[in-house]
PDB file of N, CA and C in Angstrom:
ATOM      1  N   MET A   1      26.781   5.224  18.740  1.00  0.00           N
ATOM      2  CA  MET A   1      25.351   5.121  18.354  1.00  0.00           C
ATOM      3  C   MET A   1      24.533   6.343  18.552  1.00  0.00           C
ATOM      4  N   LYS A   2      23.781   6.744  17.549  1.00  0.00           N
ATOM      5  CA  LYS A   2      22.936   7.852  17.655  1.00  0.00           C
ATOM      6  C   LYS A   2      21.870   7.777  18.575  1.00  0.00           C
ATOM      7  N   GLY A   3      21.582   9.048  19.283  1.00  0.00           N
ATOM      8  CA  GLY A   3      20.417   9.015  20.254  1.00  0.00           C
ATOM      9  C   GLY A   3      19.205   9.153  19.453  1.00  0.00           C
ATOM     10  N   PRO A   4      18.167   9.382  20.372  1.00  0.00           N
ATOM     11  CA  PRO A   4      16.905   9.488  19.621  1.00  0.00           C
ATOM     12  C   PRO A   4      16.752  10.819  18.750  1.00  0.00           C
ATOM     13  N   VAL A   5      16.003  10.687  17.842  1.00  0.00           N
ATOM     14  CA  VAL A   5      15.619  11.848  16.901  1.00  0.00           C
ATOM     15  C   VAL A   5      14.961  13.149  17.781  1.00  0.00           C
ATOM     16  N   GLN A   6      15.487  14.290  17.677  1.00  0.00           N
ATOM     17  CA  GLN A   6      14.745  15.367  18.383  1.00  0.00           C
ATOM     18  C   GLN A   6      13.606  15.747  17.707  1.00  0.00           C
ATOM     19  N   PRO A   7      12.551  16.099  18.267  1.00  0.00           N
ATOM     20  CA  PRO A   7      11.275  16.491  17.542  1.00  0.00           C
ATOM     21  C   PRO A   7      11.255  17.469  16.628  1.00  0.00           C
ATOM     22  N   LEU A   8      12.150  18.485  16.704  1.00  0.00           N
ATOM     23  CA  LEU A   8      12.306  19.446  15.537  1.00  0.00           C
ATOM     24  C   LEU A   8      12.866  18.726  14.335  1.00  0.00           C
ATOM     25  N   ALA A   9      13.707  17.807  14.537  1.00  0.00           N
ATOM     26  CA  ALA A   9      14.350  17.309  13.432  1.00  0.00           C
ATOM     27  C   ALA A   9      13.380  16.787  12.278  1.00  0.00           C
ATOM     28  N   TRP A  10      12.118  16.444  12.847  1.00  0.00           N
ATOM     29  CA  TRP A  10      11.019  15.980  11.847  1.00  0.00           C
ATOM     30  C   TRP A  10      10.641  17.131  10.900  1.00  0.00           C
ATOM     31  N   ILE A  11      10.813  18.312  11.483  1.00  0.00           N
ATOM     32  CA  ILE A  11      10.333  19.672  10.659  1.00  0.00           C
ATOM     33  C   ILE A  11      11.474  20.183   9.947  1.00  0.00           C
ATOM     34  N   LEU A  12      12.672  20.440  10.572  1.00  0.00           N
ATOM     35  CA  LEU A  12      13.743  21.082  10.055  1.00  0.00           C
ATOM     36  C   LEU A  12      14.984  20.248   9.600  1.00  0.00           C
ATOM     37  N   GLY A  13      14.836  18.976   9.897  1.00  0.00           N
ATOM     38  CA  GLY A  13      16.150  18.158   9.621  1.00  0.00           C
ATOM     39  C   GLY A  13      16.972  18.210  10.841  1.00  0.00           C
ATOM     40  N   GLU A  14      18.040  17.451  11.002  1.00  0.00           N
ATOM     41  CA  GLU A  14      19.004  17.513  12.101  1.00  0.00           C
ATOM     42  C   GLU A  14      19.937  18.666  12.255  1.00  0.00           C
ATOM     43  N   THR A  15      20.336  19.153  11.052  1.00  0.00           N
ATOM     44  CA  THR A  15      21.352  20.212  10.990  1.00  0.00           C
ATOM     45  C   THR A  15      20.817  21.419  10.222  1.00  0.00           C
ATOM     46  N   PRO A  16      19.631  22.043  10.665  1.00  0.00           N
ATOM     47  CA  PRO A  16      19.243  23.228   9.771  1.00  0.00           C
ATOM     48  C   PRO A  16      20.192  24.430  10.002  1.00  0.00           C
ATOM     49  N   THR A  17      20.334  25.176   8.928  1.00  0.00           N
ATOM     50  CA  THR A  17      21.082  26.381   9.156  1.00  0.00           C
ATOM     51  C   THR A  17      20.170  27.479   9.632  1.00  0.00           C
ATOM     52  N   PRO A  18      20.765  28.378  10.316  1.00  0.00           N
ATOM     53  CA  PRO A  18      20.109  29.396  10.992  1.00  0.00           C
ATOM     54  C   PRO A  18      19.285  30.205   9.809  1.00  0.00           C
ATOM     55  N   ARG A  19      19.784  30.350   8.714  1.00  0.00           N
ATOM     56  CA  ARG A  19      18.949  30.946   7.637  1.00  0.00           C
ATOM     57  C   ARG A  19      17.499  30.287   7.245  1.00  0.00           C
ATOM     58  N   THR A  20      17.749  28.883   7.282  1.00  0.00           N
ATOM     59  CA  THR A  20      16.592  28.091   7.045  1.00  0.00           C
ATOM     60  C   THR A  20      15.544  28.286   8.268  1.00  0.00           C
ATOM     61  N   VAL A  21      15.886  28.203   9.370  1.00  0.00           N
ATOM     62  CA  VAL A  21      15.054  28.304  10.517  1.00  0.00           C
ATOM     63  C   VAL A  21      14.475  29.766  10.521  1.00  0.00           C
ATOM     64  N   VAL A  22      15.113  30.774  10.331  1.00  0.00           N
ATOM     65  CA  VAL A  22      14.434  32.116  10.352  1.00  0.00           C
ATOM     66  C   VAL A  22      13.601  32.370   9.090  1.00  0.00           C
ATOM     67  N   ALA A  23      14.026  31.915   7.893  1.00  0.00           N
ATOM     68  CA  ALA A  23      13.105  31.918   6.749  1.00  0.00           C
ATOM     69  C   ALA A  23      11.824  31.047   6.804  1.00  0.00           C
ATOM     70  N   ALA A  24      11.910  29.935   7.291  1.00  0.00           N
ATOM     71  CA  ALA A  24      10.701  29.061   7.710  1.00  0.00           C
ATOM     72  C   ALA A  24       9.859  29.837   8.827  1.00  0.00           C
ATOM     73  N   GLY A  25      10.319  30.297   9.763  1.00  0.00           N
ATOM     74  CA  GLY A  25       9.608  30.922  10.791  1.00  0.00           C
ATOM     75  C   GLY A  25       8.936  32.277  10.286  1.00  0.00           C
ATOM     76  N   VAL A  26       9.730  33.066   9.617  1.00  0.00           N
ATOM     77  CA  VAL A  26       9.194  34.384   9.105  1.00  0.00           C
ATOM     78  C   VAL A  26       8.249  34.046   7.980  1.00  0.00           C
ATOM     79  N   LEU A  27       8.353  33.185   7.020  1.00  0.00           N
ATOM     80  CA  LEU A  27       7.306  32.995   6.095  1.00  0.00           C
ATOM     81  C   LEU A  27       6.076  32.381   6.750  1.00  0.00           C
ATOM     82  N   GLY A  28       6.326  31.325   7.629  1.00  0.00           N
ATOM     83  CA  GLY A  28       5.180  30.730   8.383  1.00  0.00           C
ATOM     84  C   GLY A  28       4.301  31.651   9.086  1.00  0.00           C
ATOM     85  N   ALA A  29       5.023  32.490   9.772  1.00  0.00           N
ATOM     86  CA  ALA A  29       4.236  33.474  10.723  1.00  0.00           C
ATOM     87  C   ALA A  29       3.512  34.508   9.833  1.00  0.00           C
ATOM     88  N   GLY A  30       4.230  35.049   8.906  1.00  0.00           N
ATOM     89  CA  GLY A  30       3.613  35.956   7.816  1.00  0.00           C
ATOM     90  C   GLY A  30       2.304  35.410   7.070  1.00  0.00           C
ATOM     91  N   VAL A  31       2.547  34.172   6.681  1.00  0.00           N
ATOM     92  CA  VAL A  31       1.312  33.684   5.785  1.00  0.00           C
ATOM     93  C   VAL A  31       0.164  33.325   6.950  1.00  0.00           C
ATOM     94  N   ALA A  32       0.528  32.857   8.018  1.00  0.00           N
ATOM     95  CA  ALA A  32      -0.380  32.335   9.053  1.00  0.00           C
ATOM     96  C   ALA A  32      -1.286  33.652   9.483  1.00  0.00           C
ATOM     97  N   VAL A  33      -0.597  34.652   9.738  1.00  0.00           N
ATOM     98  CA  VAL A  33      -1.037  36.039  10.230  1.00  0.00           C
ATOM     99  C   VAL A  33      -2.131  36.616   9.185  1.00  0.00           C
ATOM    100  N   ALA A  34      -1.585  36.513   8.057  1.00  0.00           N
ATOM    101  CA  ALA A  34      -2.318  37.043   6.813  1.00  0.00           C
ATOM    102  C   ALA A  34      -3.581  36.272   6.723  1.00  0.00           C
ATOM    103  N   VAL A  35      -3.495  34.971   6.638  1.00  0.00           N
ATOM    104  CA  VAL A  35      -4.616  34.094   6.465  1.00  0.00           C
ATOM    105  C   VAL A  35      -5.748  34.210   7.432  1.00  0.00           C
ATOM    106  N   VAL A  36      -5.250  34.321   8.682  1.00  0.00           N
ATOM    107  CA  VAL A  36      -6.179  34.465   9.894  1.00  0.00           C
ATOM    108  C   VAL A  36      -6.782  35.700   9.730  1.00  0.00           C
ATOM    109  N   LEU A  37      -6.216  36.833   9.488  1.00  0.00           N
ATOM    110  CA  LEU A  37      -6.798  38.193   9.473  1.00  0.00           C
ATOM    111  C   LEU A  37      -7.895  38.296   8.399  1.00  0.00           C
ATOM    112  N   ALA A  38      -7.605  37.581   7.217  1.00  0.00           N
ATOM    113  CA  ALA A  38      -8.361  37.616   6.083  1.00  0.00           C
ATOM    114  C   ALA A  38      -9.550  36.604   6.174  1.00  0.00           C
ATOM    115  N   SER A  39      -9.585  35.908   7.272  1.00  0.00           N
ATOM    116  CA  SER A  39     -10.635  34.711   7.273  1.00  0.00           C
ATOM    117  C   SER A  39     -11.695  35.106   8.346  1.00  0.00           C
ATOM    118  N   PRO A  40     -12.965  35.036   7.845  1.00  0.00           N
ATOM    119  CA  PRO A  40     -13.960  35.158   8.870  1.00  0.00           C
ATOM    120  C   PRO A  40     -14.188  33.761   9.493  1.00  0.00           C
ATOM    121  N   GLY A  41     -14.941  33.669  10.482  1.00  0.00           N
ATOM    122  CA  GLY A  41     -15.329  32.476  11.283  1.00  0.00           C
ATOM    123  C   GLY A  41     -14.976  32.614  12.833  1.00  0.00           C
ATOM    124  N   VAL A  42     -15.383  31.602  13.433  1.00  0.00           N
ATOM    125  CA  VAL A  42     -15.274  31.473  14.988  1.00  0.00           C
ATOM    126  C   VAL A  42     -13.861  31.503  15.288  1.00  0.00           C
ATOM    127  N   TRP A  43     -13.497  31.916  16.528  1.00  0.00           N
ATOM    128  CA  TRP A  43     -12.157  31.989  17.105  1.00  0.00           C
ATOM    129  C   TRP A  43     -11.458  30.669  16.924  1.00  0.00           C
ATOM    130  N   TRP A  44     -11.805  29.471  17.306  1.00  0.00           N
ATOM    131  CA  TRP A  44     -11.344  28.133  17.358  1.00  0.00           C
ATOM    132  C   TRP A  44     -10.956  27.645  15.896  1.00  0.00           C
ATOM    133  N   MET A  45     -11.858  28.074  15.110  1.00  0.00           N
ATOM    134  CA  MET A  45     -11.477  27.597  13.595  1.00  0.00           C
ATOM    135  C   MET A  45     -10.398  28.381  13.041  1.00  0.00           C
ATOM    136  N   ARG A  46     -10.382  29.603  13.439  1.00  0.00           N
ATOM    137  CA  ARG A  46      -9.230  30.779  12.881  1.00  0.00           C
ATOM    138  C   ARG A  46      -7.967  30.187  13.701  1.00  0.00           C
ATOM    139  N   LEU A  47      -8.023  29.637  14.914  1.00  0.00           N
ATOM    140  CA  LEU A  47      -6.884  29.444  15.567  1.00  0.00           C
ATOM    141  C   LEU A  47      -6.185  28.106  14.890  1.00  0.00           C
ATOM    142  N   ILE A  48      -6.973  27.013  14.549  1.00  0.00           N
ATOM    143  CA  ILE A  48      -6.587  25.963  13.719  1.00  0.00           C
ATOM    144  C   ILE A  48      -5.968  26.271  12.483  1.00  0.00           C
ATOM    145  N   LEU A  49      -6.633  27.262  11.789  1.00  0.00           N
ATOM    146  CA  LEU A  49      -6.082  27.650  10.440  1.00  0.00           C
ATOM    147  C   LEU A  49      -4.988  28.533  10.724  1.00  0.00           C
ATOM    148  N   LEU A  50      -4.593  29.062  11.651  1.00  0.00           N
ATOM    149  CA  LEU A  50      -3.370  29.750  12.028  1.00  0.00           C
ATOM    150  C   LEU A  50      -2.234  28.636  11.984  1.00  0.00           C
ATOM    151  N   PHE A  51      -2.368  27.505  12.640  1.00  0.00           N
ATOM    152  CA  PHE A  51      -1.515  26.566  12.915  1.00  0.00           C
ATOM    153  C   PHE A  51      -1.200  25.938  11.520  1.00  0.00           C
ATOM    154  N   LEU A  52      -2.302  25.547  10.871  1.00  0.00           N
ATOM    155  CA  LEU A  52      -2.129  24.838   9.590  1.00  0.00           C
ATOM    156  C   LEU A  52      -1.480  25.703   8.533  1.00  0.00           C
ATOM    157  N   ALA A  53      -1.901  26.991   8.379  1.00  0.00           N
ATOM    158  CA  ALA A  53      -1.069  28.040   7.491  1.00  0.00           C
ATOM    159  C   ALA A  53       0.370  28.199   7.801  1.00  0.00           C
ATOM    160  N   PHE A  54       0.778  28.270   9.258  1.00  0.00           N
ATOM    161  CA  PHE A  54       2.152  28.141   9.517  1.00  0.00           C
ATOM    162  C   PHE A  54       2.781  26.851   9.005  1.00  0.00           C
ATOM    163  N   ASP A  55       2.167  25.753   9.236  1.00  0.00           N
ATOM    164  CA  ASP A  55       2.802  24.628   8.979  1.00  0.00           C
ATOM    165  C   ASP A  55       3.082  24.468   7.359  1.00  0.00           C
ATOM    166  N   LEU A  56       2.024  24.959   6.674  1.00  0.00           N
ATOM    167  CA  LEU A  56       2.285  24.733   5.175  1.00  0.00           C
ATOM    168  C   LEU A  56       3.476  25.826   4.808  1.00  0.00           C
ATOM    169  N   ALA A  57       3.379  26.911   5.166  1.00  0.00           N
ATOM    170  CA  ALA A  57       4.314  27.943   4.491  1.00  0.00           C
ATOM    171  C   ALA A  57       5.714  27.618   5.097  1.00  0.00           C
ATOM    172  N   ALA A  58       5.799  27.204   6.506  1.00  0.00           N
ATOM    173  CA  ALA A  58       7.155  27.046   7.100  1.00  0.00           C
ATOM    174  C   ALA A  58       7.650  25.714   6.525  1.00  0.00           C
ATOM    175  N   GLY A  59       6.754  24.679   6.253  1.00  0.00           N
ATOM    176  CA  GLY A  59       7.143  23.431   5.872  1.00  0.00           C
ATOM    177  C   GLY A  59       7.681  23.550   4.215  1.00  0.00           C
ATOM    178  N   LEU A  60       7.063  24.508   3.658  1.00  0.00           N
ATOM    179  CA  LEU A  60       7.568  24.673   2.041  1.00  0.00           C
ATOM    180  C   LEU A  60       9.041  25.036   2.168  1.00  0.00           C
ATOM    181  N   VAL A  61       9.441  26.009   2.994  1.00  0.00           N
ATOM    182  CA  VAL A  61      10.795  26.467   3.203  1.00  0.00           C
ATOM    183  C   VAL A  61      11.710  25.286   3.650  1.00  0.00           C
ATOM    184  N   SER A  62      11.151  24.572   4.757  1.00  0.00           N
ATOM    185  CA  SER A  62      11.899  23.569   5.222  1.00  0.00           C
ATOM    186  C   SER A  62      12.039  22.344   4.239  1.00  0.00           C
ATOM    187  N   ASN A  63      11.116  22.107   3.374  1.00  0.00           N
ATOM    188  CA  ASN A  63      11.277  21.001   2.476  1.00  0.00           C
ATOM    189  C   ASN A  63      12.215  21.171   1.398  1.00  0.00           C
ATOM    190  N   LEU A  64      12.648  22.534   1.186  1.00  0.00           N
ATOM    191  CA  LEU A  64      13.551  22.939   0.259  1.00  0.00           C
ATOM    192  C   LEU A  64      15.123  22.874   0.737  1.00  0.00           C
ATOM    193  N   SER A  65      15.175  22.593   2.010  1.00  0.00           N
ATOM    194  CA  SER A  65      16.551  22.718   2.639  1.00  0.00           C
ATOM    195  C   SER A  65      17.255  21.373   2.612  1.00  0.00           C
ATOM    196  N   ALA A  66      18.590  21.387   2.624  1.00  0.00           N
ATOM    197  CA  ALA A  66      19.424  20.239   2.510  1.00  0.00           C
ATOM    198  C   ALA A  66      19.304  19.469   3.860  1.00  0.00           C
ATOM    199  N   SER A  67      18.954  20.189   4.947  1.00  0.00           N
ATOM    200  CA  SER A  67      18.838  19.421   6.311  1.00  0.00           C
ATOM    201  C   SER A  67      17.588  18.528   6.200  1.00  0.00           C
ATOM    202  N   THR A  68      16.540  19.040   5.813  1.00  0.00           N
ATOM    203  CA  THR A  68      15.190  18.119   5.744  1.00  0.00           C
ATOM    204  C   THR A  68      15.415  17.115   4.596  1.00  0.00           C
ATOM    205  N   ARG A  69      15.915  17.528   3.636  1.00  0.00           N
ATOM    206  CA  ARG A  69      16.203  16.363   2.523  1.00  0.00           C
ATOM    207  C   ARG A  69      17.083  15.204   3.078  1.00  0.00           C
ATOM    208  N   ALA A  70      18.209  15.622   3.809  1.00  0.00           N
ATOM    209  CA  ALA A  70      18.966  14.558   4.272  1.00  0.00           C
ATOM    210  C   ALA A  70      18.237  13.790   5.324  1.00  0.00           C
ATOM    211  N   PHE A  71      17.431  14.382   6.166  1.00  0.00           N
ATOM    212  CA  PHE A  71      16.698  13.646   7.306  1.00  0.00           C
ATOM    213  C   PHE A  71      15.590  12.788   6.775  1.00  0.00           C
ATOM    214  N   TRP A  72      14.974  13.175   5.809  1.00  0.00           N
ATOM    215  CA  TRP A  72      13.889  12.218   5.243  1.00  0.00           C
ATOM    216  C   TRP A  72      14.508  11.246   4.227  1.00  0.00           C
ATOM    217  N   ARG A  73      15.561  11.473   3.758  1.00  0.00           N
ATOM    218  CA  ARG A  73      16.296  10.252   2.951  1.00  0.00           C
ATOM    219  C   ARG A  73      16.778   9.253   3.801  1.00  0.00           C
ATOM    220  N   ALA A  74      17.016   9.486   4.915  1.00  0.00           N
ATOM    221  CA  ALA A  74      17.688   8.450   5.943  1.00  0.00           C
ATOM    222  C   ALA A  74      16.356   7.715   6.560  1.00  0.00           C
ATOM    223  N   ARG A  75      15.120   8.102   6.267  1.00  0.00           N
ATOM    224  CA  ARG A  75      13.880   7.419   6.887  1.00  0.00           C
ATOM    225  C   ARG A  75      13.534   6.379   5.880  1.00  0.00           C
ATOM    226  N   PRO A  76      12.783   5.277   6.298  1.00  0.00           N
ATOM    227  CA  PRO A  76      12.250   4.432   5.544  1.00  0.00           C
ATOM    228  C   PRO A  76      11.323   4.973   4.622  1.00  0.00           C
ATOM    229  N   ARG A  77      11.296   4.219   3.296  1.00  0.00           N
ATOM    230  CA  ARG A  77      10.377   4.686   2.108  1.00  0.00           C
ATOM    231  C   ARG A  77       9.026   4.873   2.630  1.00  0.00           C
ATOM    232  N   GLY A  78       8.532   3.944   3.380  1.00  0.00           N
ATOM    233  CA  GLY A  78       7.055   4.019   3.954  1.00  0.00           C
ATOM    234  C   GLY A  78       6.813   5.267   4.611  1.00  0.00           C
ATOM    235  N   TRP A  79       7.533   5.770   5.475  1.00  0.00           N
ATOM    236  CA  TRP A  79       7.491   7.088   6.073  1.00  0.00           C
ATOM    237  C   TRP A  79       7.348   8.180   5.259  1.00  0.00           C
ATOM    238  N   ARG A  80       8.164   8.188   4.235  1.00  0.00           N
ATOM    239  CA  ARG A  80       8.156   9.229   3.167  1.00  0.00           C
ATOM    240  C   ARG A  80       6.734   9.246   2.482  1.00  0.00           C
ATOM    241  N   TRP A  81       6.301   7.933   2.111  1.00  0.00           N
ATOM    242  CA  TRP A  81       4.891   7.935   1.556  1.00  0.00           C
ATOM    243  C   TRP A  81       3.830   8.378   2.601  1.00  0.00           C
ATOM    244  N   ALA A  82       3.971   8.020   3.730  1.00  0.00           N
ATOM    245  CA  ALA A  82       3.088   8.316   4.705  1.00  0.00           C
ATOM    246  C   ALA A  82       2.940   9.903   4.809  1.00  0.00           C
ATOM    247  N   PHE A  83       4.030  10.575   4.699  1.00  0.00           N
ATOM    248  CA  PHE A  83       4.081  12.062   4.871  1.00  0.00           C
ATOM    249  C   PHE A  83       3.266  12.747   3.577  1.00  0.00           C
ATOM    250  N   ILE A  84       3.537  12.125   2.310  1.00  0.00           N
ATOM    251  CA  ILE A  84       2.877  12.732   1.243  1.00  0.00           C
ATOM    252  C   ILE A  84       1.282  12.176   1.264  1.00  0.00           C
ATOM    253  N   VAL A  85       1.107  11.022   1.553  1.00  0.00           N
ATOM    254  CA  VAL A  85      -0.360  10.760   1.651  1.00  0.00           C
ATOM    255  C   VAL A  85      -1.204  11.611   2.646  1.00  0.00           C
ATOM    256  N   LEU A  86      -0.565  11.786   3.810  1.00  0.00           N
ATOM    257  CA  LEU A  86      -1.071  12.615   4.923  1.00  0.00           C
ATOM    258  C   LEU A  86      -1.323  14.084   4.289  1.00  0.00           C
ATOM    259  N   HIS A  87      -0.412  14.642   3.632  1.00  0.00           N
ATOM    260  CA  HIS A  87      -0.557  15.969   3.236  1.00  0.00           C
ATOM    261  C   HIS A  87      -1.447  16.095   2.049  1.00  0.00           C
ATOM    262  N   ALA A  88      -1.586  15.003   1.263  1.00  0.00           N
ATOM    263  CA  ALA A  88      -2.423  15.132  -0.058  1.00  0.00           C
ATOM    264  C   ALA A  88      -3.875  14.773   0.301  1.00  0.00           C
ATOM    265  N   SER A  89      -3.972  14.042   1.502  1.00  0.00           N
ATOM    266  CA  SER A  89      -5.596  13.767   1.707  1.00  0.00           C
ATOM    267  C   SER A  89      -6.115  14.459   2.768  1.00  0.00           C
ATOM    268  N   VAL A  90      -5.403  14.498   4.115  1.00  0.00           N
ATOM    269  CA  VAL A  90      -5.996  15.206   5.156  1.00  0.00           C
ATOM    270  C   VAL A  90      -6.016  16.689   5.046  1.00  0.00           C
ATOM    271  N   TYR A  91      -4.905  17.296   4.564  1.00  0.00           N
ATOM    272  CA  TYR A  91      -4.726  18.755   4.582  1.00  0.00           C
ATOM    273  C   TYR A  91      -5.788  19.394   3.659  1.00  0.00           C
ATOM    274  N   PRO A  92      -6.001  18.794   2.459  1.00  0.00           N
ATOM    275  CA  PRO A  92      -7.097  19.523   1.764  1.00  0.00           C
ATOM    276  C   PRO A  92      -8.518  19.536   2.384  1.00  0.00           C
ATOM    277  N   LEU A  93      -8.600  18.561   3.001  1.00  0.00           N
ATOM    278  CA  LEU A  93     -10.044  18.474   3.767  1.00  0.00           C
ATOM    279  C   LEU A  93      -9.990  19.648   4.886  1.00  0.00           C
ATOM    280  N   ALA A  94      -8.963  19.683   5.538  1.00  0.00           N
ATOM    281  CA  ALA A  94      -8.848  20.497   6.625  1.00  0.00           C
ATOM    282  C   ALA A  94      -8.825  22.009   6.215  1.00  0.00           C
ATOM    283  N   ILE A  95      -8.230  22.200   5.015  1.00  0.00           N
ATOM    284  CA  ILE A  95      -8.283  23.548   4.301  1.00  0.00           C
ATOM    285  C   ILE A  95      -9.629  24.126   4.010  1.00  0.00           C
ATOM    286  N   TRP A  96     -10.341  22.935   3.313  1.00  0.00           N
ATOM    287  CA  TRP A  96     -11.714  23.276   2.793  1.00  0.00           C
ATOM    288  C   TRP A  96     -12.541  23.598   3.976  1.00  0.00           C
ATOM    289  N   SER A  97     -12.372  22.769   5.027  1.00  0.00           N
ATOM    290  CA  SER A  97     -13.341  22.830   6.261  1.00  0.00           C
ATOM    291  C   SER A  97     -13.207  24.049   6.959  1.00  0.00           C
ATOM    292  N   LEU A  98     -11.930  24.546   7.121  1.00  0.00           N
ATOM    293  CA  LEU A  98     -11.536  25.824   7.861  1.00  0.00           C
ATOM    294  C   LEU A  98     -11.516  27.048   6.947  1.00  0.00           C
ATOM    295  N   ALA A  99     -11.307  27.011   5.682  1.00  0.00           N
ATOM    296  CA  ALA A  99     -11.137  28.205   4.879  1.00  0.00           C
ATOM    297  C   ALA A  99     -12.293  28.393   3.910  1.00  0.00           C
ATOM    298  N   GLY A 100     -13.240  27.539   3.886  1.00  0.00           N
ATOM    299  CA  GLY A 100     -14.323  27.717   2.863  1.00  0.00           C
ATOM    300  C   GLY A 100     -13.860  27.447   1.437  1.00  0.00           C
ATOM    301  N   THR A 101     -14.410  28.152   0.613  1.00  0.00           N
ATOM    302  CA  THR A 101     -14.325  27.823  -0.872  1.00  0.00           C
ATOM    303  C   THR A 101     -13.667  29.219  -1.606  1.00  0.00           C
ATOM    304  N   GLY A 102     -13.138  30.293  -0.913  1.00  0.00           N
ATOM    305  CA  GLY A 102     -12.739  31.534  -1.262  1.00  0.00           C
ATOM    306  C   GLY A 102     -11.280  31.466  -1.674  1.00  0.00           C
ATOM    307  N   ALA A 103     -10.715  32.810  -1.826  1.00  0.00           N
ATOM    308  CA  ALA A 103      -9.432  32.978  -2.172  1.00  0.00           C
ATOM    309  C   ALA A 103      -8.381  32.287  -1.230  1.00  0.00           C
ATOM    310  N   ILE A 104      -8.653  32.338   0.010  1.00  0.00           N
ATOM    311  CA  ILE A 104      -7.702  31.853   1.041  1.00  0.00           C
ATOM    312  C   ILE A 104      -7.630  30.372   0.927  1.00  0.00           C
ATOM    313  N   MET A 105      -8.759  29.586   0.518  1.00  0.00           N
ATOM    314  CA  MET A 105      -8.556  28.144   0.280  1.00  0.00           C
ATOM    315  C   MET A 105      -7.654  27.833  -0.867  1.00  0.00           C
ATOM    316  N   TRP A 106      -7.786  28.700  -1.985  1.00  0.00           N
ATOM    317  CA  TRP A 106      -7.001  28.374  -3.259  1.00  0.00           C
ATOM    318  C   TRP A 106      -5.455  28.624  -2.844  1.00  0.00           C
ATOM    319  N   ILE A 107      -5.304  29.772  -2.127  1.00  0.00           N
ATOM    320  CA  ILE A 107      -3.754  30.061  -1.714  1.00  0.00           C
ATOM    321  C   ILE A 107      -3.205  28.974  -0.829  1.00  0.00           C
ATOM    322  N   LEU A 108      -4.078  28.520   0.033  1.00  0.00           N
ATOM    323  CA  LEU A 108      -3.432  27.578   1.021  1.00  0.00           C
ATOM    324  C   LEU A 108      -3.252  26.078   0.114  1.00  0.00           C
ATOM    325  N   LEU A 109      -4.170  25.938  -0.706  1.00  0.00           N
ATOM    326  CA  LEU A 109      -4.010  24.549  -1.485  1.00  0.00           C
ATOM    327  C   LEU A 109      -2.777  24.678  -2.485  1.00  0.00           C
ATOM    328  N   ALA A 110      -2.510  26.008  -2.979  1.00  0.00           N
ATOM    329  CA  ALA A 110      -1.339  26.075  -3.810  1.00  0.00           C
ATOM    330  C   ALA A 110      -0.050  25.979  -2.898  1.00  0.00           C
ATOM    331  N   VAL A 111       0.033  26.604  -1.754  1.00  0.00           N
ATOM    332  CA  VAL A 111       1.126  26.346  -0.961  1.00  0.00           C
ATOM    333  C   VAL A 111       1.261  24.910  -0.636  1.00  0.00           C
ATOM    334  N   LEU A 112       0.162  24.054  -0.329  1.00  0.00           N
ATOM    335  CA  LEU A 112       0.400  22.765  -0.035  1.00  0.00           C
ATOM    336  C   LEU A 112       0.816  21.951  -1.110  1.00  0.00           C
ATOM    337  N   LEU A 113       0.443  22.246  -2.286  1.00  0.00           N
ATOM    338  CA  LEU A 113       1.003  21.413  -3.598  1.00  0.00           C
ATOM    339  C   LEU A 113       2.455  21.823  -3.723  1.00  0.00           C
ATOM    340  N   ALA A 114       2.884  23.182  -3.439  1.00  0.00           N
ATOM    341  CA  ALA A 114       4.300  23.398  -3.607  1.00  0.00           C
ATOM    342  C   ALA A 114       5.111  22.621  -2.523  1.00  0.00           C
ATOM    343  N   LYS A 115       4.387  22.584  -1.248  1.00  0.00           N
ATOM    344  CA  LYS A 115       5.172  21.843  -0.207  1.00  0.00           C
ATOM    345  C   LYS A 115       5.395  20.445  -0.477  1.00  0.00           C
ATOM    346  N   ILE A 116       4.364  19.771  -1.016  1.00  0.00           N
ATOM    347  CA  ILE A 116       4.422  18.269  -1.373  1.00  0.00           C
ATOM    348  C   ILE A 116       5.482  18.054  -2.576  1.00  0.00           C
ATOM    349  N   ALA A 117       5.251  19.016  -3.585  1.00  0.00           N
ATOM    350  CA  ALA A 117       6.244  19.043  -4.684  1.00  0.00           C
ATOM    351  C   ALA A 117       7.720  19.141  -4.207  1.00  0.00           C
ATOM    352  N   ALA A 118       7.977  20.058  -3.321  1.00  0.00           N
ATOM    353  CA  ALA A 118       9.359  20.199  -2.869  1.00  0.00           C
ATOM    354  C   ALA A 118       9.804  19.041  -2.209  1.00  0.00           C
ATOM    355  N   PHE A 119       8.943  18.441  -1.248  1.00  0.00           N
ATOM    356  CA  PHE A 119       9.358  17.221  -0.630  1.00  0.00           C
ATOM    357  C   PHE A 119       9.602  15.996  -1.543  1.00  0.00           C
ATOM    358  N   SER A 120       8.696  15.903  -2.493  1.00  0.00           N
ATOM    359  CA  SER A 120       8.825  14.726  -3.517  1.00  0.00           C
ATOM    360  C   SER A 120      10.034  14.909  -4.399  1.00  0.00           C
ATOM    361  N   ALA A 121      10.286  16.263  -4.870  1.00  0.00           N
ATOM    362  CA  ALA A 121      11.346  16.374  -5.753  1.00  0.00           C
ATOM    363  C   ALA A 121      12.855  16.204  -4.975  1.00  0.00           C
ATOM    364  N   ASN A 122      12.727  16.728  -3.801  1.00  0.00           N
ATOM    365  CA  ASN A 122      14.022  16.415  -3.030  1.00  0.00           C
ATOM    366  C   ASN A 122      14.413  15.022  -2.757  1.00  0.00           C
ATOM    367  N   LEU A 123      13.361  14.178  -2.597  1.00  0.00           N
ATOM    368  CA  LEU A 123      13.542  12.773  -2.444  1.00  0.00           C
ATOM    369  C   LEU A 123      13.959  11.867  -3.740  1.00  0.00           C
ATOM    370  N   ARG A 124      13.589  12.590  -4.806  1.00  0.00           N
ATOM    371  CA  ARG A 124      13.921  11.898  -6.205  1.00  0.00           C
ATOM    372  C   ARG A 124      15.189  12.043  -6.527  1.00  0.00           C
ATOM    373  N   THR A 125      15.979  13.047  -5.975  1.00  0.00           N
ATOM    374  CA  THR A 125      17.449  13.332  -6.264  1.00  0.00           C
ATOM    375  C   THR A 125      18.363  12.473  -5.662  1.00  0.00           C
ATOM    376  N   THR A 126      17.961  11.366  -4.987  1.00  0.00           N
ATOM    377  CA  THR A 126      18.856  10.405  -4.410  1.00  0.00           C
ATOM    378  C   THR A 126      19.836   9.650  -5.305  1.00  0.00           C
TER     379      THR A 126
END
């Protein structure tokens, strides 16, 4: 019998390759730092924006990986839809609230759409 799912499995799948982990971390950190450096605002909003940008960029890489694809295919369909609905509804509001209406907002929305598209496309290939 399998044990409980490890917390990082929800992000990278249960058997991520070192390449996926490094690529997700590097892209996530790079986008997050660039977004925060280019964003005006109070420190706490920029801190939240840092985590949001990291999640979006690292999640895009992760959602393209075989490990994440296998992990989410093994989850109930309702959980997959919850992932999509959460990202398609809450994230745009958070981006707009934290990044305003400038170029940073549009960049983050494009990364969000790519992340959702990668997640959805990988699930359709079952």
